[in-house]
Amino acid sequence: MKVLLNYLQFWLAARTANGIHSPFVFQLYNEVLFVEKEYYCFGEIEKVRRTLLTDNTPLPIKDLGAGSKNLPNEQRTVRQIVKYSVSKPKIAQLIFKLIDFLQPQTVIELGTCLGLTTLYMAEAMPSKARLYTFEGSESLIEKAKNITKKYFEKKQKNISFVLGDIAETLPKKLTEISQLDVVFFDANHRKEPTLQYFETCLAKTHEDSLFIFDDIYWSEEMKSAWQQIQSHSKVTLTIDLFEVGLVFFRKKQPKQHFKLR
């Protein structure tokens, strides 16, 4: 019921293209966010999803986050994970379009899961870009590695899988990275860890960095985290799409917050 109320409030407050008075956001709206376009790899990745939806192999899950609302057990089948825990096609394809538009060189994914969103991100990146994807569950990251290796069998992609508690592995890995261009936060649906990851990544941002936060209305905790991120002094522009929130650090732009539909 709370989610429905949040969505109703969002819908009533959200704007369409006619209500946007930022040239950058207007461009994003018309060229990326609400463009109905079938890119070359969408069908191939969705074939992988359909195959996984028939896979009843059980996997032991080490869940370091808020867990799943639909899958409380520590052992889940691949089919269940794809159905309830993997980013839906709409969100994964939006991330693809954002990366394709921005052409980043360094991309981070916090929460590999089975690697379907990883495939979308890697397909959109420039050839010399690098993707680091973090996961706390060994069974998930091994499955994701296999899926990614099979999918990119004839392509060279710079993907690094990082296993372990992200609170520990993220700060360590960031000492090896000069700057972050795109970060997708989908690893922990609790307020404090989400804010911790956000603060950890902040030091590596620049004028054109983009942070993408998944499930910003998943719970009151996540909604509170999103509001705190919006108010941060380094954040100049946020776009609330209900399923995800986009955060920019464009210093030349006045602080603005948009809800778009």
Foldseek 3Di string as FASTA:
>chain_A
DLLVVVVVVLVVAADALVPDDDPVVNCCRVQALPDPDDDPCLVVLVVVLVVQLVFQDKDQADAPAPDFPVDNDRIGGSNVCSVGPDDDSSVLQSLLRVCLVLQDQEEEEEACQQPSSVVSNQVSHDQNHAYEYEDATPRRLVNNVVSVCVSCVPHDTHYHYHYHDCLPGVLVVVVVPQAHAEYEDRRHQAQPVVVSSVVSRVVRYDQRHKYKYFQCVVDVRSVVNVVVVLPDPQWQEWECAPRMIMTGRHPVHHRDYHYHD
